Amino acid sequence: MKVLKFGAIWCTECLVMKPMWKEIEEEISGFDAEYFDADNDNEMLEKYNVENIPVFIFLDKDEKEILRLQGVQNKDDLICAVQENLDK
């Protein structure tokens, strides 16, 4: 599984989520995470139809979207989402 994280340095909600994701990535192994900046990665924003940030797109092993979360999330909810989709 892979999580695509979309944000920007000027986005307050994104700045809230960044350290939370760092902790989750350190606590849970077995998934990849990539960050894309809304100001610099226009191609990826278009590819995944990202209109608002922050947004977190979970992809399965075949790179198909299985979950999309938008806005500030609760850390426990994110951990559950990662664990539920880890083997996909």
N, C-alpha and C. Protein backbone atom coordinates (compact mmCIF):
# COMPACT_ATOMS: atom_id res chain seq x y z
N MET A 1 0.83 -1.17 0.00
CA MET A 1 0.00 0.00 0.00
C MET A 1 0.88 1.24 0.00
N LYS A 2 0.36 2.31 -0.57
CA LYS A 2 1.07 3.57 -0.63
C LYS A 2 0.09 4.69 -0.27
N VAL A 3 0.59 5.71 0.41
CA VAL A 3 -0.21 6.89 0.72
C VAL A 3 0.43 8.08 0.02
N LEU A 4 -0.37 8.76 -0.79
CA LEU A 4 0.07 9.99 -1.43
C LEU A 4 -0.46 11.15 -0.59
N LYS A 5 0.44 12.00 -0.14
CA LYS A 5 0.07 13.12 0.71
C LYS A 5 0.25 14.40 -0.09
N PHE A 6 -0.80 15.19 -0.20
CA PHE A 6 -0.75 16.44 -0.94
C PHE A 6 -0.93 17.60 0.03
N GLY A 7 -0.04 18.58 -0.06
CA GLY A 7 -0.12 19.73 0.82
C GLY A 7 0.70 20.89 0.27
N ALA A 8 0.91 21.89 1.11
CA ALA A 8 1.72 23.05 0.75
C ALA A 8 2.22 23.72 2.02
N ILE A 9 3.33 24.44 1.91
CA ILE A 9 3.93 25.07 3.09
C ILE A 9 3.07 26.21 3.64
N TRP A 10 2.23 26.79 2.83
CA TRP A 10 1.37 27.89 3.27
C TRP A 10 0.04 27.41 3.84
N CYS A 11 -0.21 26.11 3.80
CA CYS A 11 -1.47 25.53 4.24
C CYS A 11 -1.39 25.16 5.72
N THR A 12 -2.16 25.85 6.54
CA THR A 12 -2.14 25.62 7.99
C THR A 12 -2.51 24.18 8.34
N GLU A 13 -3.56 23.66 7.72
CA GLU A 13 -3.97 22.28 8.00
C GLU A 13 -2.88 21.29 7.61
N CYS A 14 -2.19 21.57 6.52
CA CYS A 14 -1.10 20.70 6.08
C CYS A 14 0.02 20.67 7.11
N LEU A 15 0.32 21.83 7.69
CA LEU A 15 1.37 21.91 8.69
C LEU A 15 0.99 21.16 9.96
N VAL A 16 -0.29 21.09 10.26
CA VAL A 16 -0.77 20.31 11.40
C VAL A 16 -0.58 18.82 11.14
N MET A 17 -0.85 18.40 9.91
CA MET A 17 -0.81 16.98 9.56
C MET A 17 0.61 16.44 9.37
N LYS A 18 1.54 17.27 8.97
CA LYS A 18 2.89 16.80 8.64
C LYS A 18 3.57 16.04 9.79
N PRO A 19 3.64 16.60 11.02
CA PRO A 19 4.30 15.83 12.10
C PRO A 19 3.52 14.58 12.49
N MET A 20 2.21 14.63 12.34
CA MET A 20 1.39 13.46 12.66
C MET A 20 1.72 12.31 11.71
N TRP A 21 1.83 12.62 10.42
CA TRP A 21 2.19 11.59 9.45
C TRP A 21 3.60 11.07 9.71
N LYS A 22 4.50 11.94 10.11
CA LYS A 22 5.87 11.50 10.40
C LYS A 22 5.87 10.46 11.51
N GLU A 23 5.09 10.71 12.56
CA GLU A 23 4.98 9.75 13.67
C GLU A 23 4.39 8.43 13.20
N ILE A 24 3.35 8.50 12.40
CA ILE A 24 2.69 7.28 11.91
C ILE A 24 3.66 6.46 11.06
N GLU A 25 4.40 7.14 10.19
CA GLU A 25 5.36 6.45 9.33
C GLU A 25 6.48 5.80 10.14
N GLU A 26 6.82 6.37 11.29
CA GLU A 26 7.83 5.77 12.16
C GLU A 26 7.26 4.61 12.97
N GLU A 27 5.97 4.68 13.31
CA GLU A 27 5.33 3.66 14.15
C GLU A 27 4.89 2.43 13.36
N ILE A 28 4.52 2.61 12.10
CA ILE A 28 3.97 1.51 11.30
C ILE A 28 4.85 1.29 10.08
N SER A 29 5.32 0.08 9.91
CA SER A 29 6.12 -0.23 8.73
C SER A 29 5.26 -1.00 7.73
N GLY A 30 5.75 -1.10 6.53
CA GLY A 30 5.05 -1.91 5.54
C GLY A 30 4.24 -1.11 4.53
N PHE A 31 4.36 0.22 4.57
CA PHE A 31 3.71 1.02 3.55
C PHE A 31 4.62 2.17 3.14
N ASP A 32 4.42 2.63 1.92
CA ASP A 32 5.19 3.75 1.40
C ASP A 32 4.34 5.01 1.50
N ALA A 33 5.00 6.13 1.65
CA ALA A 33 4.31 7.41 1.67
C ALA A 33 5.12 8.40 0.83
N GLU A 34 4.40 9.17 0.02
CA GLU A 34 5.04 10.18 -0.80
C GLU A 34 4.31 11.50 -0.60
N TYR A 35 5.08 12.59 -0.55
CA TYR A 35 4.50 13.92 -0.38
C TYR A 35 4.61 14.69 -1.69
N PHE A 36 3.54 15.40 -2.01
CA PHE A 36 3.54 16.24 -3.21
C PHE A 36 3.10 17.64 -2.82
N ASP A 37 3.86 18.63 -3.26
CA ASP A 37 3.57 20.02 -2.96
C ASP A 37 2.60 20.58 -3.99
N ALA A 38 1.53 21.19 -3.50
CA ALA A 38 0.48 21.71 -4.38
C ALA A 38 0.99 22.81 -5.31
N ASP A 39 2.06 23.48 -4.93
CA ASP A 39 2.61 24.55 -5.76
C ASP A 39 3.59 24.05 -6.82
N ASN A 40 4.13 22.85 -6.63
CA ASN A 40 5.19 22.38 -7.52
C ASN A 40 4.87 21.11 -8.29
N ASP A 41 3.87 20.37 -7.86
CA ASP A 41 3.60 19.07 -8.46
C ASP A 41 2.24 19.05 -9.17
N ASN A 42 2.05 19.99 -10.08
CA ASN A 42 0.77 20.12 -10.77
C ASN A 42 0.35 18.86 -11.51
N GLU A 43 1.31 18.17 -12.08
CA GLU A 43 1.00 16.96 -12.83
C GLU A 43 0.35 15.90 -11.94
N MET A 44 0.87 15.74 -10.72
CA MET A 44 0.29 14.76 -9.79
C MET A 44 -1.08 15.22 -9.28
N LEU A 45 -1.24 16.52 -9.06
CA LEU A 45 -2.54 17.05 -8.63
C LEU A 45 -3.60 16.76 -9.69
N GLU A 46 -3.24 16.96 -10.95
CA GLU A 46 -4.18 16.69 -12.04
C GLU A 46 -4.44 15.19 -12.18
N LYS A 47 -3.40 14.40 -12.09
CA LYS A 47 -3.53 12.95 -12.24
C LYS A 47 -4.51 12.37 -11.23
N TYR A 48 -4.46 12.88 -10.00
CA TYR A 48 -5.31 12.34 -8.93
C TYR A 48 -6.50 13.25 -8.60
N ASN A 49 -6.74 14.24 -9.47
CA ASN A 49 -7.89 15.12 -9.34
C ASN A 49 -7.97 15.76 -7.94
N VAL A 50 -6.86 16.31 -7.50
CA VAL A 50 -6.80 16.96 -6.20
C VAL A 50 -7.16 18.43 -6.37
N GLU A 51 -8.22 18.84 -5.69
CA GLU A 51 -8.68 20.22 -5.79
C GLU A 51 -8.46 21.00 -4.50
N ASN A 52 -8.45 20.31 -3.37
CA ASN A 52 -8.24 20.94 -2.07
C ASN A 52 -7.18 20.18 -1.30
N ILE A 53 -6.48 20.89 -0.43
CA ILE A 53 -5.45 20.26 0.38
C ILE A 53 -5.71 20.58 1.84
N PRO A 54 -5.22 19.78 2.75
CA PRO A 54 -4.49 18.54 2.52
C PRO A 54 -5.43 17.41 2.09
N VAL A 55 -4.88 16.50 1.33
CA VAL A 55 -5.61 15.29 0.95
C VAL A 55 -4.63 14.12 0.98
N PHE A 56 -5.15 12.98 1.40
CA PHE A 56 -4.34 11.77 1.56
C PHE A 56 -5.01 10.66 0.77
N ILE A 57 -4.30 10.15 -0.23
CA ILE A 57 -4.86 9.15 -1.12
C ILE A 57 -4.14 7.83 -0.88
N PHE A 58 -4.91 6.82 -0.51
CA PHE A 58 -4.38 5.49 -0.27
C PHE A 58 -4.50 4.69 -1.56
N LEU A 59 -3.39 4.09 -1.97
CA LEU A 59 -3.36 3.27 -3.18
C LEU A 59 -3.03 1.83 -2.82
N ASP A 60 -3.66 0.90 -3.53
CA ASP A 60 -3.33 -0.50 -3.31
C ASP A 60 -2.07 -0.87 -4.09
N LYS A 61 -1.71 -2.14 -4.06
CA LYS A 61 -0.49 -2.60 -4.73
C LYS A 61 -0.52 -2.39 -6.23
N ASP A 62 -1.72 -2.27 -6.80
CA ASP A 62 -1.87 -2.04 -8.24
C ASP A 62 -2.01 -0.55 -8.57
N GLU A 63 -1.73 0.31 -7.58
CA GLU A 63 -1.80 1.77 -7.74
C GLU A 63 -3.23 2.28 -7.96
N LYS A 64 -4.22 1.51 -7.51
CA LYS A 64 -5.62 1.93 -7.61
C LYS A 64 -6.03 2.57 -6.29
N GLU A 65 -6.78 3.66 -6.38
CA GLU A 65 -7.22 4.38 -5.18
C GLU A 65 -8.21 3.53 -4.39
N ILE A 66 -7.92 3.38 -3.09
CA ILE A 66 -8.82 2.62 -2.23
C ILE A 66 -9.44 3.49 -1.13
N LEU A 67 -8.84 4.66 -0.88
CA LEU A 67 -9.37 5.55 0.15
C LEU A 67 -8.82 6.94 -0.08
N ARG A 68 -9.68 7.94 0.15
CA ARG A 68 -9.25 9.35 0.05
C ARG A 68 -9.76 10.08 1.29
N LEU A 69 -8.84 10.71 2.00
CA LEU A 69 -9.19 11.49 3.18
C LEU A 69 -8.77 12.93 2.93
N GLN A 70 -9.63 13.87 3.31
CA GLN A 70 -9.34 15.27 3.06
C GLN A 70 -9.44 16.07 4.34
N GLY A 71 -8.55 17.04 4.48
CA GLY A 71 -8.57 17.91 5.65
C GLY A 71 -7.84 17.30 6.83
N VAL A 72 -7.91 18.00 7.97
CA VAL A 72 -7.25 17.53 9.19
C VAL A 72 -7.93 16.25 9.67
N GLN A 73 -7.11 15.28 10.00
CA GLN A 73 -7.60 13.98 10.46
C GLN A 73 -7.10 13.71 11.87
N ASN A 74 -7.82 12.89 12.57
CA ASN A 74 -7.43 12.42 13.89
C ASN A 74 -6.34 11.36 13.72
N LYS A 75 -5.29 11.41 14.52
CA LYS A 75 -4.18 10.46 14.38
C LYS A 75 -4.65 9.02 14.54
N ASP A 76 -5.50 8.75 15.52
CA ASP A 76 -6.00 7.39 15.73
C ASP A 76 -6.78 6.88 14.51
N ASP A 77 -7.55 7.77 13.89
CA ASP A 77 -8.29 7.39 12.69
C ASP A 77 -7.35 7.08 11.53
N LEU A 78 -6.28 7.86 11.42
CA LEU A 78 -5.30 7.61 10.36
C LEU A 78 -4.59 6.28 10.58
N ILE A 79 -4.23 6.00 11.82
CA ILE A 79 -3.58 4.73 12.14
C ILE A 79 -4.50 3.57 11.76
N CYS A 80 -5.77 3.67 12.11
CA CYS A 80 -6.74 2.63 11.75
C CYS A 80 -6.84 2.48 10.23
N ALA A 81 -6.88 3.59 9.52
CA ALA A 81 -6.98 3.54 8.05
C ALA A 81 -5.75 2.86 7.45
N VAL A 82 -4.57 3.19 7.97
CA VAL A 82 -3.35 2.56 7.47
C VAL A 82 -3.37 1.07 7.77
N GLN A 83 -3.68 0.71 9.00
CA GLN A 83 -3.66 -0.70 9.38
C GLN A 83 -4.71 -1.51 8.62
N GLU A 84 -5.88 -0.95 8.39
CA GLU A 84 -6.95 -1.65 7.66
C GLU A 84 -6.58 -1.90 6.21
N ASN A 85 -5.73 -1.05 5.63
CA ASN A 85 -5.42 -1.14 4.21
C ASN A 85 -4.00 -1.60 3.94
N LEU A 86 -3.27 -1.94 4.98
CA LEU A 86 -1.84 -2.26 4.85
C LEU A 86 -1.57 -3.39 3.87
N ASP A 87 -2.41 -4.40 3.84
CA ASP A 87 -2.16 -5.56 2.99
C ASP A 87 -2.81 -5.46 1.62
N LYS A 88 -3.36 -4.33 1.30
CA LYS A 88 -4.04 -4.18 0.01
C LYS A 88 -3.08 -3.74 -1.07
